[in-house]
């Protein structure tokens, strides 16, 4: 984690993650958080509400509250992801 929950108003986290080939961040959702993912390097797929979005270096994806999402490295090298969360109101 680069910024922890509570350090900046409305920001839940600001982090960098390294996904080795084949690693998966299992499907989940957040009720009160928008999450932004930026792919620093590598490639993969993010599935948002059962729709696959191809990830490559430079891709940025926003996941809204209540959207189920899963991140997977589908490449042969590490996928480096910079991501942060913002406190938001639920969509429903």
N, C-alpha and C. Protein backbone atom coordinates (compact mmCIF):
# COMPACT_ATOMS: atom_id res chain seq x y z
N UNK A 1 0.85 -1.19 0.00
CA UNK A 1 0.00 0.00 0.00
C UNK A 1 0.88 1.24 0.00
N UNK A 2 0.52 2.17 -0.85
CA UNK A 2 1.22 3.43 -0.91
C UNK A 2 0.53 4.47 -0.04
N UNK A 3 -0.82 4.43 0.00
CA UNK A 3 -1.62 5.28 0.86
C UNK A 3 -2.65 4.39 1.55
N UNK A 4 -2.73 4.49 2.86
CA UNK A 4 -3.65 3.67 3.64
C UNK A 4 -5.01 4.34 3.78
N UNK A 5 -6.03 3.53 4.07
CA UNK A 5 -7.37 4.03 4.32
C UNK A 5 -7.33 5.06 5.44
N UNK A 6 -7.91 6.23 5.20
CA UNK A 6 -7.96 7.28 6.21
C UNK A 6 -6.89 8.34 6.07
N UNK A 7 -5.83 8.08 5.30
CA UNK A 7 -4.77 9.08 5.13
C UNK A 7 -5.21 10.26 4.27
N UNK A 8 -6.07 9.99 3.29
CA UNK A 8 -6.61 11.04 2.43
C UNK A 8 -8.13 10.86 2.42
N UNK A 9 -8.84 11.92 2.68
CA UNK A 9 -10.30 11.85 2.71
C UNK A 9 -10.84 11.24 1.42
N UNK A 10 -11.75 10.30 1.54
CA UNK A 10 -12.44 9.61 0.45
C UNK A 10 -11.59 8.57 -0.27
N UNK A 11 -10.28 8.50 -0.02
CA UNK A 11 -9.44 7.49 -0.66
C UNK A 11 -9.30 6.31 0.29
N UNK A 12 -9.71 5.11 -0.17
CA UNK A 12 -9.63 3.93 0.69
C UNK A 12 -8.26 3.27 0.63
N UNK A 13 -7.60 3.39 -0.52
CA UNK A 13 -6.26 2.83 -0.67
C UNK A 13 -5.65 3.33 -1.98
N UNK A 14 -4.35 3.31 -2.04
CA UNK A 14 -3.60 3.58 -3.27
C UNK A 14 -2.45 2.60 -3.22
N UNK A 15 -2.45 1.64 -4.14
CA UNK A 15 -1.55 0.50 -4.02
C UNK A 15 -0.99 0.07 -5.36
N UNK A 16 0.06 -0.75 -5.27
CA UNK A 16 0.62 -1.40 -6.44
C UNK A 16 0.63 -2.90 -6.15
N UNK A 17 0.21 -3.68 -7.14
CA UNK A 17 0.21 -5.14 -6.99
C UNK A 17 0.95 -5.75 -8.17
N UNK A 18 1.67 -6.83 -7.90
CA UNK A 18 2.36 -7.58 -8.94
C UNK A 18 1.71 -8.95 -9.03
N UNK A 19 1.15 -9.24 -10.20
CA UNK A 19 0.50 -10.52 -10.46
C UNK A 19 1.43 -11.38 -11.30
N UNK A 20 1.99 -12.46 -10.76
CA UNK A 20 2.77 -13.39 -11.58
C UNK A 20 1.85 -14.05 -12.63
N UNK A 21 2.42 -14.62 -13.67
CA UNK A 21 1.59 -15.29 -14.68
C UNK A 21 0.60 -16.28 -14.04
N UNK A 22 -0.65 -16.17 -14.47
CA UNK A 22 -1.70 -17.06 -13.98
C UNK A 22 -2.38 -16.63 -12.69
N UNK A 23 -1.84 -15.64 -11.99
CA UNK A 23 -2.44 -15.23 -10.71
C UNK A 23 -3.78 -14.55 -10.94
N UNK A 24 -4.71 -14.79 -10.00
CA UNK A 24 -6.07 -14.25 -10.09
C UNK A 24 -6.44 -13.56 -8.78
N UNK A 25 -7.02 -12.36 -8.88
CA UNK A 25 -7.68 -11.73 -7.74
C UNK A 25 -9.14 -12.14 -7.88
N UNK A 26 -9.59 -13.05 -7.05
CA UNK A 26 -10.90 -13.68 -7.18
C UNK A 26 -12.04 -12.67 -7.24
N UNK A 27 -13.11 -13.07 -7.88
CA UNK A 27 -14.29 -12.25 -8.09
C UNK A 27 -14.85 -11.73 -6.76
N UNK A 28 -15.11 -10.41 -6.74
CA UNK A 28 -15.67 -9.76 -5.56
C UNK A 28 -16.27 -8.43 -5.98
N UNK A 29 -16.92 -7.74 -5.05
CA UNK A 29 -17.43 -6.41 -5.32
C UNK A 29 -17.38 -5.58 -4.05
N UNK A 30 -17.49 -4.28 -4.24
CA UNK A 30 -17.48 -3.34 -3.13
C UNK A 30 -18.79 -2.56 -3.17
N UNK A 31 -19.41 -2.38 -2.02
CA UNK A 31 -20.69 -1.69 -1.96
C UNK A 31 -20.51 -0.18 -1.96
N UNK A 32 -19.49 0.30 -1.28
CA UNK A 32 -19.31 1.75 -1.12
C UNK A 32 -17.96 2.23 -1.62
N UNK A 33 -17.46 1.63 -2.71
CA UNK A 33 -16.16 2.04 -3.23
C UNK A 33 -16.11 1.91 -4.74
N UNK A 34 -15.61 2.94 -5.40
CA UNK A 34 -15.23 2.88 -6.81
C UNK A 34 -13.76 2.54 -6.83
N UNK A 35 -13.35 1.63 -7.72
CA UNK A 35 -11.96 1.20 -7.79
C UNK A 35 -11.43 1.49 -9.20
N UNK A 36 -10.22 2.04 -9.25
CA UNK A 36 -9.58 2.38 -10.53
C UNK A 36 -8.30 1.56 -10.65
N UNK A 37 -8.16 0.87 -11.80
CA UNK A 37 -7.00 0.03 -12.07
C UNK A 37 -6.23 0.59 -13.26
N UNK A 38 -4.92 0.74 -13.12
CA UNK A 38 -4.05 1.17 -14.21
C UNK A 38 -2.97 0.11 -14.40
N UNK A 39 -2.83 -0.40 -15.60
CA UNK A 39 -1.86 -1.45 -15.87
C UNK A 39 -0.52 -0.81 -16.23
N UNK A 40 0.44 -0.95 -15.33
CA UNK A 40 1.78 -0.38 -15.55
C UNK A 40 2.57 -1.22 -16.55
N UNK A 41 2.42 -2.54 -16.46
CA UNK A 41 3.11 -3.43 -17.39
C UNK A 41 2.44 -4.80 -17.36
N UNK A 42 2.64 -5.53 -18.44
CA UNK A 42 2.08 -6.87 -18.53
C UNK A 42 0.74 -6.87 -19.23
N UNK A 43 0.06 -8.00 -19.11
CA UNK A 43 -1.25 -8.14 -19.75
C UNK A 43 -2.13 -9.08 -18.95
N UNK A 44 -3.43 -8.92 -19.17
CA UNK A 44 -4.37 -9.77 -18.47
C UNK A 44 -5.79 -9.48 -18.89
N UNK A 45 -6.71 -9.86 -18.02
CA UNK A 45 -8.14 -9.65 -18.26
C UNK A 45 -8.76 -9.25 -16.93
N UNK A 46 -9.66 -8.26 -17.00
CA UNK A 46 -10.51 -7.97 -15.86
C UNK A 46 -11.93 -8.29 -16.31
N UNK A 47 -12.63 -9.07 -15.51
CA UNK A 47 -14.01 -9.41 -15.80
C UNK A 47 -14.88 -8.56 -14.88
N UNK A 48 -15.73 -7.72 -15.48
CA UNK A 48 -16.62 -6.85 -14.73
C UNK A 48 -18.04 -7.23 -15.10
N UNK A 49 -18.79 -7.69 -14.08
CA UNK A 49 -20.17 -8.15 -14.32
C UNK A 49 -20.25 -9.09 -15.51
N UNK A 50 -19.35 -10.06 -15.53
CA UNK A 50 -19.31 -11.13 -16.53
C UNK A 50 -18.87 -10.68 -17.92
N UNK A 51 -18.36 -9.43 -18.06
CA UNK A 51 -17.81 -8.96 -19.33
C UNK A 51 -16.30 -8.88 -19.21
N UNK A 52 -15.59 -9.52 -20.14
CA UNK A 52 -14.13 -9.50 -20.14
C UNK A 52 -13.61 -8.23 -20.81
N UNK A 53 -12.64 -7.60 -20.15
CA UNK A 53 -11.95 -6.43 -20.70
C UNK A 53 -10.48 -6.79 -20.77
N UNK A 54 -9.90 -6.71 -21.96
CA UNK A 54 -8.48 -7.03 -22.14
C UNK A 54 -7.63 -5.92 -21.53
N UNK A 55 -6.62 -6.34 -20.78
CA UNK A 55 -5.71 -5.41 -20.14
C UNK A 55 -4.33 -5.51 -20.79
N UNK A 56 -3.72 -4.36 -21.05
CA UNK A 56 -2.35 -4.29 -21.53
C UNK A 56 -1.73 -3.03 -20.94
N UNK A 57 -0.44 -2.88 -21.07
CA UNK A 57 0.25 -1.71 -20.53
C UNK A 57 -0.47 -0.43 -20.95
N UNK A 58 -0.78 0.41 -19.98
CA UNK A 58 -1.43 1.69 -20.24
C UNK A 58 -2.95 1.67 -20.14
N UNK A 59 -3.55 0.49 -19.99
CA UNK A 59 -5.01 0.39 -19.86
C UNK A 59 -5.44 0.90 -18.48
N UNK A 60 -6.55 1.63 -18.46
CA UNK A 60 -7.14 2.10 -17.20
C UNK A 60 -8.60 1.68 -17.20
N UNK A 61 -9.05 1.06 -16.10
CA UNK A 61 -10.43 0.58 -15.98
C UNK A 61 -11.00 1.08 -14.65
N UNK A 62 -12.23 1.58 -14.71
CA UNK A 62 -12.95 2.02 -13.51
C UNK A 62 -14.04 1.00 -13.20
N UNK A 63 -14.08 0.54 -11.95
CA UNK A 63 -15.11 -0.40 -11.50
C UNK A 63 -15.96 0.33 -10.46
N UNK A 64 -17.25 0.44 -10.76
CA UNK A 64 -18.19 1.17 -9.91
C UNK A 64 -18.66 0.29 -8.74
N UNK A 65 -19.26 0.92 -7.70
CA UNK A 65 -19.82 0.13 -6.60
C UNK A 65 -20.81 -0.91 -7.12
N UNK A 66 -20.85 -2.04 -6.47
CA UNK A 66 -21.76 -3.14 -6.79
C UNK A 66 -21.43 -3.86 -8.09
N UNK A 67 -20.32 -3.55 -8.74
CA UNK A 67 -19.92 -4.29 -9.93
C UNK A 67 -18.97 -5.40 -9.52
N UNK A 68 -19.35 -6.64 -9.80
CA UNK A 68 -18.52 -7.79 -9.48
C UNK A 68 -17.34 -7.80 -10.44
N UNK A 69 -16.12 -7.97 -9.91
CA UNK A 69 -14.94 -7.94 -10.77
C UNK A 69 -13.88 -8.94 -10.33
N UNK A 70 -13.12 -9.41 -11.32
CA UNK A 70 -12.03 -10.37 -11.11
C UNK A 70 -10.89 -9.98 -12.04
N UNK A 71 -9.69 -10.01 -11.52
CA UNK A 71 -8.49 -9.61 -12.28
C UNK A 71 -7.60 -10.83 -12.45
N UNK A 72 -7.09 -11.04 -13.68
CA UNK A 72 -6.26 -12.21 -13.95
C UNK A 72 -5.12 -11.86 -14.89
N UNK A 73 -3.92 -12.34 -14.55
CA UNK A 73 -2.78 -12.22 -15.44
C UNK A 73 -2.83 -13.37 -16.44
N UNK A 74 -3.03 -13.05 -17.71
CA UNK A 74 -3.09 -14.07 -18.76
C UNK A 74 -1.79 -14.12 -19.57
N UNK A 75 -0.82 -13.32 -19.20
CA UNK A 75 0.44 -13.26 -19.94
C UNK A 75 1.50 -14.19 -19.38
N UNK A 76 2.70 -14.06 -19.95
CA UNK A 76 3.82 -14.91 -19.54
C UNK A 76 4.82 -14.17 -18.66
N UNK A 77 4.54 -12.90 -18.37
CA UNK A 77 5.39 -12.10 -17.48
C UNK A 77 4.51 -11.48 -16.39
N UNK A 78 5.14 -10.90 -15.38
CA UNK A 78 4.38 -10.23 -14.32
C UNK A 78 3.50 -9.13 -14.90
N UNK A 79 2.31 -8.99 -14.32
CA UNK A 79 1.43 -7.86 -14.61
C UNK A 79 1.48 -6.95 -13.39
N UNK A 80 1.88 -5.70 -13.61
CA UNK A 80 2.00 -4.74 -12.51
C UNK A 80 0.81 -3.78 -12.61
N UNK A 81 0.06 -3.71 -11.50
CA UNK A 81 -1.18 -2.94 -11.47
C UNK A 81 -1.09 -1.87 -10.38
N UNK A 82 -1.35 -0.64 -10.77
CA UNK A 82 -1.48 0.47 -9.83
C UNK A 82 -2.99 0.67 -9.66
N UNK A 83 -3.47 0.71 -8.41
CA UNK A 83 -4.91 0.84 -8.22
C UNK A 83 -5.22 1.66 -6.98
N UNK A 84 -6.42 2.28 -7.01
CA UNK A 84 -6.87 3.01 -5.84
C UNK A 84 -8.38 2.91 -5.73
N UNK A 85 -8.87 3.15 -4.51
CA UNK A 85 -10.30 3.12 -4.24
C UNK A 85 -10.77 4.46 -3.71
N UNK A 86 -11.98 4.80 -4.07
CA UNK A 86 -12.60 6.05 -3.65
C UNK A 86 -13.95 5.72 -2.99
N UNK A 87 -14.17 6.23 -1.77
CA UNK A 87 -15.44 6.01 -1.08
C UNK A 87 -16.55 6.66 -1.89
N UNK A 88 -17.60 5.88 -2.19
CA UNK A 88 -18.73 6.39 -2.94
C UNK A 88 -20.01 5.81 -2.35
N UNK A 89 -21.12 6.31 -2.81
CA UNK A 89 -22.41 5.80 -2.39
C UNK A 89 -22.78 4.59 -3.25
N UNK A 90 -23.49 3.63 -2.68
CA UNK A 90 -23.93 2.48 -3.49
C UNK A 90 -24.78 2.94 -4.66
N UNK A 91 -24.74 2.18 -5.76
CA UNK A 91 -25.52 2.51 -6.95
C UNK A 91 -27.01 2.27 -6.72
N UNK A 92 -27.33 1.29 -5.90
CA UNK A 92 -28.75 0.94 -5.68
C UNK A 92 -29.24 1.46 -4.36
